[in-house]
Amino acid sequence: MRILLSLTFIACTSFASFSQVNTTATNPTAKAEVSKKKAVILAKKTINGKTLKISEQTDFYTVRILKSDGHVVDLHINKKTGEVKKD
């Protein structure tokens, strides 16, 4: 009887650990804010070019990018969601 209870306990703790690891793996940035470096990466995925300037506001970063054709584009990256919007 003690062996059965011990095995049940081990199985339950293993399952709890697995489910905790699994939820953090699917949403690792649930509470983390987007960093300036990550904002530049997100902006460059949207528009390829040279980063000229990064400025920080309360809710978003503004990343200024010089495109290969000479145009300058400002992108706003939301600090909480990582959403990219053109200016």
PDB file of N, CA and C in Angstrom:
ATOM      1  N   MET A   1       0.828  -1.197   0.000  1.00  0.00           N
ATOM      2  CA  MET A   1       0.000   0.000   0.000  1.00  0.00           C
ATOM      3  C   MET A   1       0.871   1.258   0.000  1.00  0.00           C
ATOM      4  N   ARG A   2       1.950   1.261   0.802  1.00  0.00           N
ATOM      5  CA  ARG A   2       2.842   2.414   0.853  1.00  0.00           C
ATOM      6  C   ARG A   2       3.537   2.620  -0.492  1.00  0.00           C
ATOM      7  N   ILE A   3       3.884   1.531  -1.140  1.00  0.00           N
ATOM      8  CA  ILE A   3       4.546   1.635  -2.443  1.00  0.00           C
ATOM      9  C   ILE A   3       3.602   2.261  -3.456  1.00  0.00           C
ATOM     10  N   LEU A   4       2.357   1.851  -3.444  1.00  0.00           N
ATOM     11  CA  LEU A   4       1.371   2.406  -4.364  1.00  0.00           C
ATOM     12  C   LEU A   4       1.175   3.899  -4.116  1.00  0.00           C
ATOM     13  N   LEU A   5       1.085   4.308  -2.859  1.00  0.00           N
ATOM     14  CA  LEU A   5       0.938   5.725  -2.533  1.00  0.00           C
ATOM     15  C   LEU A   5       2.181   6.518  -2.950  1.00  0.00           C
ATOM     16  N   SER A   6       3.349   5.940  -2.744  1.00  0.00           N
ATOM     17  CA  SER A   6       4.597   6.613  -3.129  1.00  0.00           C
ATOM     18  C   SER A   6       4.661   6.811  -4.636  1.00  0.00           C
ATOM     19  N   LEU A   7       4.299   5.781  -5.393  1.00  0.00           N
ATOM     20  CA  LEU A   7       4.314   5.895  -6.847  1.00  0.00           C
ATOM     21  C   LEU A   7       3.297   6.920  -7.345  1.00  0.00           C
ATOM     22  N   THR A   8       2.151   6.968  -6.712  1.00  0.00           N
ATOM     23  CA  THR A   8       1.125   7.949  -7.073  1.00  0.00           C
ATOM     24  C   THR A   8       1.622   9.366  -6.799  1.00  0.00           C
ATOM     25  N   PHE A   9       2.269   9.552  -5.662  1.00  0.00           N
ATOM     26  CA  PHE A   9       2.808  10.859  -5.308  1.00  0.00           C
ATOM     27  C   PHE A   9       3.877  11.294  -6.309  1.00  0.00           C
ATOM     28  N   ILE A  10       4.775  10.397  -6.664  1.00  0.00           N
ATOM     29  CA  ILE A  10       5.834  10.701  -7.625  1.00  0.00           C
ATOM     30  C   ILE A  10       5.239  11.051  -8.986  1.00  0.00           C
ATOM     31  N   ALA A  11       4.240  10.288  -9.392  1.00  0.00           N
ATOM     32  CA  ALA A  11       3.599  10.563 -10.681  1.00  0.00           C
ATOM     33  C   ALA A  11       2.927  11.937 -10.683  1.00  0.00           C
ATOM     34  N   CYS A  12       2.261  12.285  -9.592  1.00  0.00           N
ATOM     35  CA  CYS A  12       1.578  13.582  -9.514  1.00  0.00           C
ATOM     36  C   CYS A  12       2.573  14.741  -9.532  1.00  0.00           C
ATOM     37  N   THR A  13       3.667  14.626  -8.786  1.00  0.00           N
ATOM     38  CA  THR A  13       4.650  15.709  -8.764  1.00  0.00           C
ATOM     39  C   THR A  13       5.350  15.836 -10.106  1.00  0.00           C
ATOM     40  N   SER A  14       5.603  14.713 -10.767  1.00  0.00           N
ATOM     41  CA  SER A  14       6.231  14.769 -12.090  1.00  0.00           C
ATOM     42  C   SER A  14       5.310  15.447 -13.094  1.00  0.00           C
ATOM     43  N   PHE A  15       4.041  15.109 -13.049  1.00  0.00           N
ATOM     44  CA  PHE A  15       3.077  15.713 -13.961  1.00  0.00           C
ATOM     45  C   PHE A  15       2.941  17.211 -13.692  1.00  0.00           C
ATOM     46  N   ALA A  16       2.933  17.616 -12.407  1.00  0.00           N
ATOM     47  CA  ALA A  16       2.822  19.036 -12.064  1.00  0.00           C
ATOM     48  C   ALA A  16       4.035  19.803 -12.565  1.00  0.00           C
ATOM     49  N   SER A  17       5.218  19.232 -12.426  1.00  0.00           N
ATOM     50  CA  SER A  17       6.432  19.888 -12.914  1.00  0.00           C
ATOM     51  C   SER A  17       6.403  20.004 -14.428  1.00  0.00           C
ATOM     52  N   PHE A  18       5.974  18.953 -15.096  1.00  0.00           N
ATOM     53  CA  PHE A  18       5.901  18.974 -16.554  1.00  0.00           C
ATOM     54  C   PHE A  18       4.918  20.028 -17.042  1.00  0.00           C
ATOM     55  N   SER A  19       3.753  20.129 -16.428  1.00  0.00           N
ATOM     56  CA  SER A  19       2.761  21.097 -16.880  1.00  0.00           C
ATOM     57  C   SER A  19       3.222  22.521 -16.612  1.00  0.00           C
ATOM     58  N   GLN A  20       3.978  22.740 -15.527  1.00  0.00           N
ATOM     59  CA  GLN A  20       4.494  24.070 -15.241  1.00  0.00           C
ATOM     60  C   GLN A  20       5.542  24.467 -16.263  1.00  0.00           C
ATOM     61  N   VAL A  21       6.436  23.575 -16.613  1.00  0.00           N
ATOM     62  CA  VAL A  21       7.450  23.849 -17.623  1.00  0.00           C
ATOM     63  C   VAL A  21       6.796  24.085 -18.969  1.00  0.00           C
ATOM     64  N   ASN A  22       5.778  23.339 -19.303  1.00  0.00           N
ATOM     65  CA  ASN A  22       5.105  23.452 -20.587  1.00  0.00           C
ATOM     66  C   ASN A  22       4.414  24.810 -20.742  1.00  0.00           C
ATOM     67  N   THR A  23       3.782  25.334 -19.696  1.00  0.00           N
ATOM     68  CA  THR A  23       3.101  26.615 -19.812  1.00  0.00           C
ATOM     69  C   THR A  23       4.093  27.755 -19.920  1.00  0.00           C
ATOM     70  N   THR A  24       5.244  27.679 -19.245  1.00  0.00           N
ATOM     71  CA  THR A  24       6.225  28.744 -19.376  1.00  0.00           C
ATOM     72  C   THR A  24       6.909  28.702 -20.730  1.00  0.00           C
ATOM     73  N   ALA A  25       6.998  27.526 -21.338  1.00  0.00           N
ATOM     74  CA  ALA A  25       7.627  27.424 -22.646  1.00  0.00           C
ATOM     75  C   ALA A  25       6.741  28.021 -23.737  1.00  0.00           C
ATOM     76  N   THR A  26       5.419  27.919 -23.600  1.00  0.00           N
ATOM     77  CA  THR A  26       4.533  28.442 -24.631  1.00  0.00           C
ATOM     78  C   THR A  26       4.364  29.951 -24.535  1.00  0.00           C
ATOM     79  N   ASN A  27       4.530  30.542 -23.363  1.00  0.00           N
ATOM     80  CA  ASN A  27       4.353  31.978 -23.194  1.00  0.00           C
ATOM     81  C   ASN A  27       5.436  32.530 -22.273  1.00  0.00           C
ATOM     82  N   PRO A  28       6.696  32.585 -22.723  1.00  0.00           N
ATOM     83  CA  PRO A  28       7.769  33.003 -21.841  1.00  0.00           C
ATOM     84  C   PRO A  28       7.763  34.497 -21.520  1.00  0.00           C
ATOM     85  N   THR A  29       7.163  35.331 -22.375  1.00  0.00           N
ATOM     86  CA  THR A  29       7.168  36.771 -22.139  1.00  0.00           C
ATOM     87  C   THR A  29       5.806  37.280 -21.700  1.00  0.00           C
ATOM     88  N   ALA A  30       5.106  36.503 -20.910  1.00  0.00           N
ATOM     89  CA  ALA A  30       3.769  36.894 -20.494  1.00  0.00           C
ATOM     90  C   ALA A  30       3.793  38.215 -19.739  1.00  0.00           C
ATOM     91  N   LYS A  31       4.779  38.425 -18.868  1.00  0.00           N
ATOM     92  CA  LYS A  31       4.841  39.646 -18.082  1.00  0.00           C
ATOM     93  C   LYS A  31       6.049  40.503 -18.444  1.00  0.00           C
ATOM     94  N   ALA A  32       6.921  39.993 -19.289  1.00  0.00           N
ATOM     95  CA  ALA A  32       8.135  40.719 -19.628  1.00  0.00           C
ATOM     96  C   ALA A  32       7.846  41.778 -20.686  1.00  0.00           C
ATOM     97  N   GLU A  33       8.548  42.896 -20.564  1.00  0.00           N
ATOM     98  CA  GLU A  33       8.410  43.969 -21.525  1.00  0.00           C
ATOM     99  C   GLU A  33       9.385  43.761 -22.674  1.00  0.00           C
ATOM    100  N   VAL A  34       9.044  44.275 -23.825  1.00  0.00           N
ATOM    101  CA  VAL A  34       9.928  44.202 -24.993  1.00  0.00           C
ATOM    102  C   VAL A  34      11.103  45.150 -24.746  1.00  0.00           C
ATOM    103  N   SER A  35      12.318  44.659 -24.959  1.00  0.00           N
ATOM    104  CA  SER A  35      13.509  45.486 -24.778  1.00  0.00           C
ATOM    105  C   SER A  35      13.779  46.301 -26.042  1.00  0.00           C
ATOM    106  N   LYS A  36      14.707  47.258 -25.944  1.00  0.00           N
ATOM    107  CA  LYS A  36      15.070  48.049 -27.120  1.00  0.00           C
ATOM    108  C   LYS A  36      15.658  47.160 -28.206  1.00  0.00           C
ATOM    109  N   LYS A  37      16.474  46.217 -27.799  1.00  0.00           N
ATOM    110  CA  LYS A  37      17.106  45.311 -28.762  1.00  0.00           C
ATOM    111  C   LYS A  37      16.048  44.493 -29.503  1.00  0.00           C
ATOM    112  N   LYS A  38      15.072  43.962 -28.762  1.00  0.00           N
ATOM    113  CA  LYS A  38      13.998  43.187 -29.365  1.00  0.00           C
ATOM    114  C   LYS A  38      13.138  44.075 -30.267  1.00  0.00           C
ATOM    115  N   ALA A  39      12.946  45.331 -29.881  1.00  0.00           N
ATOM    116  CA  ALA A  39      12.172  46.262 -30.707  1.00  0.00           C
ATOM    117  C   ALA A  39      12.845  46.477 -32.059  1.00  0.00           C
ATOM    118  N   VAL A  40      14.169  46.600 -32.054  1.00  0.00           N
ATOM    119  CA  VAL A  40      14.902  46.768 -33.316  1.00  0.00           C
ATOM    120  C   VAL A  40      14.763  45.520 -34.173  1.00  0.00           C
ATOM    121  N   ILE A  41      14.860  44.345 -33.556  1.00  0.00           N
ATOM    122  CA  ILE A  41      14.718  43.090 -34.300  1.00  0.00           C
ATOM    123  C   ILE A  41      13.336  43.001 -34.936  1.00  0.00           C
ATOM    124  N   LEU A  42      12.300  43.341 -34.173  1.00  0.00           N
ATOM    125  CA  LEU A  42      10.931  43.303 -34.702  1.00  0.00           C
ATOM    126  C   LEU A  42      10.756  44.318 -35.842  1.00  0.00           C
ATOM    127  N   ALA A  43      11.341  45.491 -35.688  1.00  0.00           N
ATOM    128  CA  ALA A  43      11.229  46.518 -36.731  1.00  0.00           C
ATOM    129  C   ALA A  43      11.928  46.067 -38.012  1.00  0.00           C
ATOM    130  N   LYS A  44      13.107  45.469 -37.871  1.00  0.00           N
ATOM    131  CA  LYS A  44      13.859  45.036 -39.052  1.00  0.00           C
ATOM    132  C   LYS A  44      13.206  43.839 -39.741  1.00  0.00           C
ATOM    133  N   LYS A  45      12.409  43.065 -39.012  1.00  0.00           N
ATOM    134  CA  LYS A  45      11.653  41.996 -39.662  1.00  0.00           C
ATOM    135  C   LYS A  45      10.562  42.587 -40.542  1.00  0.00           C
ATOM    136  N   THR A  46      10.047  43.751 -40.153  1.00  0.00           N
ATOM    137  CA  THR A  46       8.993  44.407 -40.922  1.00  0.00           C
ATOM    138  C   THR A  46       9.565  45.151 -42.120  1.00  0.00           C
ATOM    139  N   ILE A  47      10.624  45.945 -41.878  1.00  0.00           N
ATOM    140  CA  ILE A  47      11.244  46.732 -42.946  1.00  0.00           C
ATOM    141  C   ILE A  47      12.751  46.536 -42.870  1.00  0.00           C
ATOM    142  N   ASN A  48      13.323  46.101 -43.974  1.00  0.00           N
ATOM    143  CA  ASN A  48      14.760  45.884 -44.016  1.00  0.00           C
ATOM    144  C   ASN A  48      15.463  47.216 -44.261  1.00  0.00           C
ATOM    145  N   GLY A  49      16.534  47.467 -43.525  1.00  0.00           N
ATOM    146  CA  GLY A  49      17.296  48.691 -43.705  1.00  0.00           C
ATOM    147  C   GLY A  49      18.236  48.916 -42.540  1.00  0.00           C
ATOM    148  N   LYS A  50      18.763  50.133 -42.469  1.00  0.00           N
ATOM    149  CA  LYS A  50      19.715  50.506 -41.430  1.00  0.00           C
ATOM    150  C   LYS A  50      18.993  51.267 -40.324  1.00  0.00           C
ATOM    151  N   THR A  51      19.224  50.867 -39.086  1.00  0.00           N
ATOM    152  CA  THR A  51      18.608  51.541 -37.952  1.00  0.00           C
ATOM    153  C   THR A  51      19.315  52.863 -37.710  1.00  0.00           C
ATOM    154  N   LEU A  52      18.538  53.946 -37.709  1.00  0.00           N
ATOM    155  CA  LEU A  52      19.105  55.270 -37.491  1.00  0.00           C
ATOM    156  C   LEU A  52      18.963  55.727 -36.047  1.00  0.00           C
ATOM    157  N   LYS A  53      17.794  55.467 -35.454  1.00  0.00           N
ATOM    158  CA  LYS A  53      17.514  56.017 -34.134  1.00  0.00           C
ATOM    159  C   LYS A  53      16.462  55.166 -33.435  1.00  0.00           C
ATOM    160  N   ILE A  54      16.608  55.061 -32.114  1.00  0.00           N
ATOM    161  CA  ILE A  54      15.599  54.397 -31.291  1.00  0.00           C
ATOM    162  C   ILE A  54      15.242  55.359 -30.172  1.00  0.00           C
ATOM    163  N   SER A  55      13.968  55.684 -30.059  1.00  0.00           N
ATOM    164  CA  SER A  55      13.528  56.532 -28.950  1.00  0.00           C
ATOM    165  C   SER A  55      12.449  55.799 -28.165  1.00  0.00           C
ATOM    166  N   GLU A  56      12.405  56.109 -26.889  1.00  0.00           N
ATOM    167  CA  GLU A  56      11.501  55.392 -25.984  1.00  0.00           C
ATOM    168  C   GLU A  56      10.437  56.340 -25.449  1.00  0.00           C
ATOM    169  N   GLN A  57       9.178  55.948 -25.607  1.00  0.00           N
ATOM    170  CA  GLN A  57       8.061  56.663 -25.021  1.00  0.00           C
ATOM    171  C   GLN A  57       7.486  55.790 -23.894  1.00  0.00           C
ATOM    172  N   THR A  58       6.402  56.213 -23.327  1.00  0.00           N
ATOM    173  CA  THR A  58       5.807  55.475 -22.217  1.00  0.00           C
ATOM    174  C   THR A  58       5.338  54.092 -22.625  1.00  0.00           C
ATOM    175  N   ASP A  59       4.599  53.981 -23.728  1.00  0.00           N
ATOM    176  CA  ASP A  59       3.990  52.709 -24.119  1.00  0.00           C
ATOM    177  C   ASP A  59       4.659  52.026 -25.299  1.00  0.00           C
ATOM    178  N   PHE A  60       5.549  52.727 -25.998  1.00  0.00           N
ATOM    179  CA  PHE A  60       6.130  52.132 -27.197  1.00  0.00           C
ATOM    180  C   PHE A  60       7.520  52.698 -27.466  1.00  0.00           C
ATOM    181  N   TYR A  61       8.250  51.993 -28.345  1.00  0.00           N
ATOM    182  CA  TYR A  61       9.522  52.465 -28.879  1.00  0.00           C
ATOM    183  C   TYR A  61       9.277  52.969 -30.294  1.00  0.00           C
ATOM    184  N   THR A  62      10.002  53.990 -30.689  1.00  0.00           N
ATOM    185  CA  THR A  62       9.995  54.431 -32.071  1.00  0.00           C
ATOM    186  C   THR A  62      11.351  54.084 -32.668  1.00  0.00           C
ATOM    187  N   VAL A  63      11.335  53.277 -33.718  1.00  0.00           N
ATOM    188  CA  VAL A  63      12.563  52.876 -34.396  1.00  0.00           C
ATOM    189  C   VAL A  63      12.552  53.520 -35.781  1.00  0.00           C
ATOM    190  N   ARG A  64      13.578  54.324 -36.060  1.00  0.00           N
ATOM    191  CA  ARG A  64      13.705  54.995 -37.358  1.00  0.00           C
ATOM    192  C   ARG A  64      14.663  54.182 -38.213  1.00  0.00           C
ATOM    193  N   ILE A  65      14.191  53.801 -39.401  1.00  0.00           N
ATOM    194  CA  ILE A  65      14.970  52.945 -40.297  1.00  0.00           C
ATOM    195  C   ILE A  65      15.156  53.639 -41.642  1.00  0.00           C
ATOM    196  N   LEU A  66      16.400  53.580 -42.150  1.00  0.00           N
ATOM    197  CA  LEU A  66      16.728  54.076 -43.481  1.00  0.00           C
ATOM    198  C   LEU A  66      16.685  52.896 -44.439  1.00  0.00           C
ATOM    199  N   LYS A  67      15.737  52.932 -45.381  1.00  0.00           N
ATOM    200  CA  LYS A  67      15.611  51.857 -46.368  1.00  0.00           C
ATOM    201  C   LYS A  67      16.682  52.003 -47.448  1.00  0.00           C
ATOM    202  N   SER A  68      16.895  50.938 -48.215  1.00  0.00           N
ATOM    203  CA  SER A  68      17.927  50.941 -49.254  1.00  0.00           C
ATOM    204  C   SER A  68      17.623  51.949 -50.369  1.00  0.00           C
ATOM    205  N   ASP A  69      16.341  52.316 -50.546  1.00  0.00           N
ATOM    206  CA  ASP A  69      15.990  53.287 -51.583  1.00  0.00           C
ATOM    207  C   ASP A  69      16.097  54.735 -51.095  1.00  0.00           C
ATOM    208  N   GLY A  70      16.545  54.939 -49.852  1.00  0.00           N
ATOM    209  CA  GLY A  70      16.752  56.282 -49.324  1.00  0.00           C
ATOM    210  C   GLY A  70      15.618  56.826 -48.481  1.00  0.00           C
ATOM    211  N   HIS A  71      14.495  56.144 -48.430  1.00  0.00           N
ATOM    212  CA  HIS A  71      13.365  56.592 -47.627  1.00  0.00           C
ATOM    213  C   HIS A  71      13.601  56.266 -46.151  1.00  0.00           C
ATOM    214  N   VAL A  72      13.115  57.153 -45.294  1.00  0.00           N
ATOM    215  CA  VAL A  72      13.201  56.942 -43.850  1.00  0.00           C
ATOM    216  C   VAL A  72      11.807  56.591 -43.345  1.00  0.00           C
ATOM    217  N   VAL A  73      11.733  55.524 -42.544  1.00  0.00           N
ATOM    218  CA  VAL A  73      10.450  55.053 -42.021  1.00  0.00           C
ATOM    219  C   VAL A  73      10.534  54.975 -40.501  1.00  0.00           C
ATOM    220  N   ASP A  74       9.491  55.494 -39.822  1.00  0.00           N
ATOM    221  CA  ASP A  74       9.382  55.356 -38.375  1.00  0.00           C
ATOM    222  C   ASP A  74       8.399  54.247 -38.053  1.00  0.00           C
ATOM    223  N   LEU A  75       8.810  53.321 -37.208  1.00  0.00           N
ATOM    224  CA  LEU A  75       7.944  52.240 -36.764  1.00  0.00           C
ATOM    225  C   LEU A  75       7.750  52.344 -35.259  1.00  0.00           C
ATOM    226  N   HIS A  76       6.520  52.104 -34.816  1.00  0.00           N
ATOM    227  CA  HIS A  76       6.209  52.114 -33.389  1.00  0.00           C
ATOM    228  C   HIS A  76       6.029  50.672 -32.927  1.00  0.00           C
ATOM    229  N   ILE A  77       6.782  50.281 -31.901  1.00  0.00           N
ATOM    230  CA  ILE A  77       6.707  48.929 -31.360  1.00  0.00           C
ATOM    231  C   ILE A  77       6.145  49.027 -29.953  1.00  0.00           C
ATOM    232  N   ASN A  78       4.996  48.390 -29.744  1.00  0.00           N
ATOM    233  CA  ASN A  78       4.340  48.377 -28.441  1.00  0.00           C
ATOM    234  C   ASN A  78       5.223  47.634 -27.445  1.00  0.00           C
ATOM    235  N   LYS A  79       5.475  48.231 -26.278  1.00  0.00           N
ATOM    236  CA  LYS A  79       6.355  47.621 -25.275  1.00  0.00           C
ATOM    237  C   LYS A  79       5.771  46.353 -24.667  1.00  0.00           C
ATOM    238  N   LYS A  80       4.467  46.287 -24.558  1.00  0.00           N
ATOM    239  CA  LYS A  80       3.842  45.128 -23.899  1.00  0.00           C
ATOM    240  C   LYS A  80       3.570  43.982 -24.861  1.00  0.00           C
ATOM    241  N   THR A  81       3.120  44.296 -26.070  1.00  0.00           N
ATOM    242  CA  THR A  81       2.691  43.252 -26.999  1.00  0.00           C
ATOM    243  C   THR A  81       3.709  42.954 -28.099  1.00  0.00           C
ATOM    244  N   GLY A  82       4.592  43.910 -28.407  1.00  0.00           N
ATOM    245  CA  GLY A  82       5.526  43.740 -29.506  1.00  0.00           C
ATOM    246  C   GLY A  82       4.920  44.032 -30.865  1.00  0.00           C
ATOM    247  N   GLU A  83       3.719  44.574 -30.877  1.00  0.00           N
ATOM    248  CA  GLU A  83       3.026  44.897 -32.126  1.00  0.00           C
ATOM    249  C   GLU A  83       3.752  46.042 -32.838  1.00  0.00           C
ATOM    250  N   VAL A  84       3.932  45.911 -34.152  1.00  0.00           N
ATOM    251  CA  VAL A  84       4.647  46.904 -34.949  1.00  0.00           C
ATOM    252  C   VAL A  84       3.640  47.675 -35.803  1.00  0.00           C
ATOM    253  N   LYS A  85       3.726  49.020 -35.736  1.00  0.00           N
ATOM    254  CA  LYS A  85       2.872  49.875 -36.556  1.00  0.00           C
ATOM    255  C   LYS A  85       3.734  50.906 -37.254  1.00  0.00           C
ATOM    256  N   LYS A  86       3.379  51.191 -38.514  1.00  0.00           N
ATOM    257  CA  LYS A  86       4.071  52.240 -39.247  1.00  0.00           C
ATOM    258  C   LYS A  86       3.519  53.590 -38.830  1.00  0.00           C
ATOM    259  N   ASP A  87       4.379  54.592 -38.872  1.00  0.00           N
ATOM    260  CA  ASP A  87       3.965  55.960 -38.506  1.00  0.00           C
ATOM    261  C   ASP A  87       3.210  56.606 -39.628  1.00  0.00           C
TER     262      ASP A  87
END
